Amino acid sequence: MSLWQFTYLHDLVKESIKKQNIHFREAIPSDQRLAV
């Protein structure tokens, strides 16, 4: 695998994790979110 392919996949994974984190935070009530 070439370096640019690795970088591209790495960025894709980071973006999907970021989106999952946003959904996860939205699912938690705001008073509990502060404790996390």
PDB file of N, CA and C in Angstrom:
ATOM      1  N   MET A   1       0.855  -1.199   0.000  1.00  0.00           N
ATOM      2  CA  MET A   1       0.000   0.000   0.000  1.00  0.00           C
ATOM      3  C   MET A   1       0.888   1.246   0.000  1.00  0.00           C
ATOM      4  N   SER A   2       0.568   2.162  -0.884  1.00  0.00           N
ATOM      5  CA  SER A   2       1.386   3.377  -0.967  1.00  0.00           C
ATOM      6  C   SER A   2       1.030   4.354   0.145  1.00  0.00           C
ATOM      7  N   LEU A   3       1.905   5.323   0.339  1.00  0.00           N
ATOM      8  CA  LEU A   3       1.745   6.260   1.452  1.00  0.00           C
ATOM      9  C   LEU A   3       0.476   7.087   1.311  1.00  0.00           C
ATOM     10  N   TRP A   4       0.173   7.550   0.083  1.00  0.00           N
ATOM     11  CA  TRP A   4      -1.022   8.389  -0.065  1.00  0.00           C
ATOM     12  C   TRP A   4      -2.285   7.585   0.196  1.00  0.00           C
ATOM     13  N   GLN A   5      -2.272   6.301  -0.163  1.00  0.00           N
ATOM     14  CA  GLN A   5      -3.436   5.457   0.130  1.00  0.00           C
ATOM     15  C   GLN A   5      -3.618   5.306   1.634  1.00  0.00           C
ATOM     16  N   PHE A   6      -2.513   5.106   2.323  1.00  0.00           N
ATOM     17  CA  PHE A   6      -2.566   4.967   3.778  1.00  0.00           C
ATOM     18  C   PHE A   6      -3.094   6.246   4.413  1.00  0.00           C
ATOM     19  N   THR A   7      -2.582   7.387   3.952  1.00  0.00           N
ATOM     20  CA  THR A   7      -3.008   8.680   4.492  1.00  0.00           C
ATOM     21  C   THR A   7      -4.491   8.898   4.233  1.00  0.00           C
ATOM     22  N   TYR A   8      -4.937   8.542   3.020  1.00  0.00           N
ATOM     23  CA  TYR A   8      -6.343   8.713   2.657  1.00  0.00           C
ATOM     24  C   TYR A   8      -7.242   7.861   3.554  1.00  0.00           C
ATOM     25  N   LEU A   9      -6.878   6.607   3.728  1.00  0.00           N
ATOM     26  CA  LEU A   9      -7.662   5.714   4.583  1.00  0.00           C
ATOM     27  C   LEU A   9      -7.648   6.186   6.030  1.00  0.00           C
ATOM     28  N   HIS A  10      -6.489   6.653   6.468  1.00  0.00           N
ATOM     29  CA  HIS A  10      -6.363   7.142   7.838  1.00  0.00           C
ATOM     30  C   HIS A  10      -7.297   8.326   8.073  1.00  0.00           C
ATOM     31  N   ASP A  11      -7.350   9.247   7.092  1.00  0.00           N
ATOM     32  CA  ASP A  11      -8.244  10.401   7.203  1.00  0.00           C
ATOM     33  C   ASP A  11      -9.705   9.961   7.200  1.00  0.00           C
ATOM     34  N   LEU A  12     -10.041   8.974   6.378  1.00  0.00           N
ATOM     35  CA  LEU A  12     -11.414   8.464   6.342  1.00  0.00           C
ATOM     36  C   LEU A  12     -11.813   7.912   7.700  1.00  0.00           C
ATOM     37  N   VAL A  13     -10.922   7.137   8.293  1.00  0.00           N
ATOM     38  CA  VAL A  13     -11.197   6.545   9.604  1.00  0.00           C
ATOM     39  C   VAL A  13     -11.367   7.641  10.651  1.00  0.00           C
ATOM     40  N   LYS A  14     -10.483   8.646  10.616  1.00  0.00           N
ATOM     41  CA  LYS A  14     -10.578   9.743  11.585  1.00  0.00           C
ATOM     42  C   LYS A  14     -11.903  10.469  11.444  1.00  0.00           C
ATOM     43  N   GLU A  15     -12.336  10.717  10.197  1.00  0.00           N
ATOM     44  CA  GLU A  15     -13.598  11.415   9.961  1.00  0.00           C
ATOM     45  C   GLU A  15     -14.776  10.599  10.483  1.00  0.00           C
ATOM     46  N   SER A  16     -14.776   9.283  10.220  1.00  0.00           N
ATOM     47  CA  SER A  16     -15.896   8.461  10.668  1.00  0.00           C
ATOM     48  C   SER A  16     -15.939   8.377  12.186  1.00  0.00           C
ATOM     49  N   ILE A  17     -14.774   8.329  12.824  1.00  0.00           N
ATOM     50  CA  ILE A  17     -14.730   8.313  14.289  1.00  0.00           C
ATOM     51  C   ILE A  17     -15.277   9.626  14.834  1.00  0.00           C
ATOM     52  N   LYS A  18     -14.905  10.731  14.195  1.00  0.00           N
ATOM     53  CA  LYS A  18     -15.383  12.042  14.625  1.00  0.00           C
ATOM     54  C   LYS A  18     -16.905  12.100  14.551  1.00  0.00           C
ATOM     55  N   LYS A  19     -17.478  11.582  13.453  1.00  0.00           N
ATOM     56  CA  LYS A  19     -18.932  11.592  13.292  1.00  0.00           C
ATOM     57  C   LYS A  19     -19.596  10.724  14.347  1.00  0.00           C
ATOM     58  N   GLN A  20     -19.005   9.563  14.633  1.00  0.00           N
ATOM     59  CA  GLN A  20     -19.564   8.679  15.654  1.00  0.00           C
ATOM     60  C   GLN A  20     -19.526   9.345  17.021  1.00  0.00           C
ATOM     61  N   ASN A  21     -18.448  10.066  17.307  1.00  0.00           N
ATOM     62  CA  ASN A  21     -18.335  10.762  18.581  1.00  0.00           C
ATOM     63  C   ASN A  21     -19.408  11.824  18.717  1.00  0.00           C
ATOM     64  N   ILE A  22     -19.700  12.534  17.618  1.00  0.00           N
ATOM     65  CA  ILE A  22     -20.739  13.568  17.641  1.00  0.00           C
ATOM     66  C   ILE A  22     -22.092  12.923  17.938  1.00  0.00           C
ATOM     67  N   HIS A  23     -22.399  11.817  17.255  1.00  0.00           N
ATOM     68  CA  HIS A  23     -23.672  11.133  17.496  1.00  0.00           C
ATOM     69  C   HIS A  23     -23.738  10.617  18.930  1.00  0.00           C
ATOM     70  N   PHE A  24     -22.626  10.115  19.416  1.00  0.00           N
ATOM     71  CA  PHE A  24     -22.568   9.576  20.774  1.00  0.00           C
ATOM     72  C   PHE A  24     -22.844  10.680  21.788  1.00  0.00           C
ATOM     73  N   ARG A  25     -22.231  11.847  21.588  1.00  0.00           N
ATOM     74  CA  ARG A  25     -22.435  12.958  22.516  1.00  0.00           C
ATOM     75  C   ARG A  25     -23.874  13.447  22.476  1.00  0.00           C
ATOM     76  N   GLU A  26     -24.475  13.453  21.280  1.00  0.00           N
ATOM     77  CA  GLU A  26     -25.859  13.918  21.156  1.00  0.00           C
ATOM     78  C   GLU A  26     -26.819  12.963  21.852  1.00  0.00           C
ATOM     79  N   ALA A  27     -26.428  11.692  21.942  1.00  0.00           N
ATOM     80  CA  ALA A  27     -27.291  10.689  22.555  1.00  0.00           C
ATOM     81  C   ALA A  27     -27.277  10.779  24.074  1.00  0.00           C
ATOM     82  N   ILE A  28     -26.261  11.442  24.624  1.00  0.00           N
ATOM     83  CA  ILE A  28     -26.145  11.554  26.079  1.00  0.00           C
ATOM     84  C   ILE A  28     -26.802  12.847  26.554  1.00  0.00           C
ATOM     85  N   PRO A  29     -27.658  12.793  27.568  1.00  0.00           N
ATOM     86  CA  PRO A  29     -28.233  14.013  28.142  1.00  0.00           C
ATOM     87  C   PRO A  29     -27.134  14.964  28.591  1.00  0.00           C
ATOM     88  N   SER A  30     -27.382  16.258  28.500  1.00  0.00           N
ATOM     89  CA  SER A  30     -26.323  17.242  28.738  1.00  0.00           C
ATOM     90  C   SER A  30     -25.769  17.182  30.158  1.00  0.00           C
ATOM     91  N   ASP A  31     -26.576  16.823  31.141  1.00  0.00           N
ATOM     92  CA  ASP A  31     -26.062  16.772  32.515  1.00  0.00           C
ATOM     93  C   ASP A  31     -25.084  15.607  32.686  1.00  0.00           C
ATOM     94  N   GLN A  32     -25.307  14.512  31.968  1.00  0.00           N
ATOM     95  CA  GLN A  32     -24.381  13.379  32.026  1.00  0.00           C
ATOM     96  C   GLN A  32     -23.142  13.647  31.185  1.00  0.00           C
ATOM     97  N   ARG A  33     -23.296  14.443  30.125  1.00  0.00           N
ATOM     98  CA  ARG A  33     -22.192  14.713  29.217  1.00  0.00           C
ATOM     99  C   ARG A  33     -21.025  15.371  29.954  1.00  0.00           C
ATOM    100  N   LEU A  34     -21.321  16.225  30.921  1.00  0.00           N
ATOM    101  CA  LEU A  34     -20.278  16.925  31.662  1.00  0.00           C
ATOM    102  C   LEU A  34     -19.437  15.952  32.480  1.00  0.00           C
ATOM    103  N   ALA A  35     -20.046  14.853  32.911  1.00  0.00           N
ATOM    104  CA  ALA A  35     -19.335  13.890  33.747  1.00  0.00           C
ATOM    105  C   ALA A  35     -18.410  12.996  32.916  1.00  0.00           C
ATOM    106  N   VAL A  36     -18.661  12.917  31.623  1.00  0.00           N
ATOM    107  CA  VAL A  36     -17.860  12.034  30.759  1.00  0.00           C
ATOM    108  C   VAL A  36     -16.503  12.662  30.483  1.00  0.00           C
TER     109      VAL A  36
END
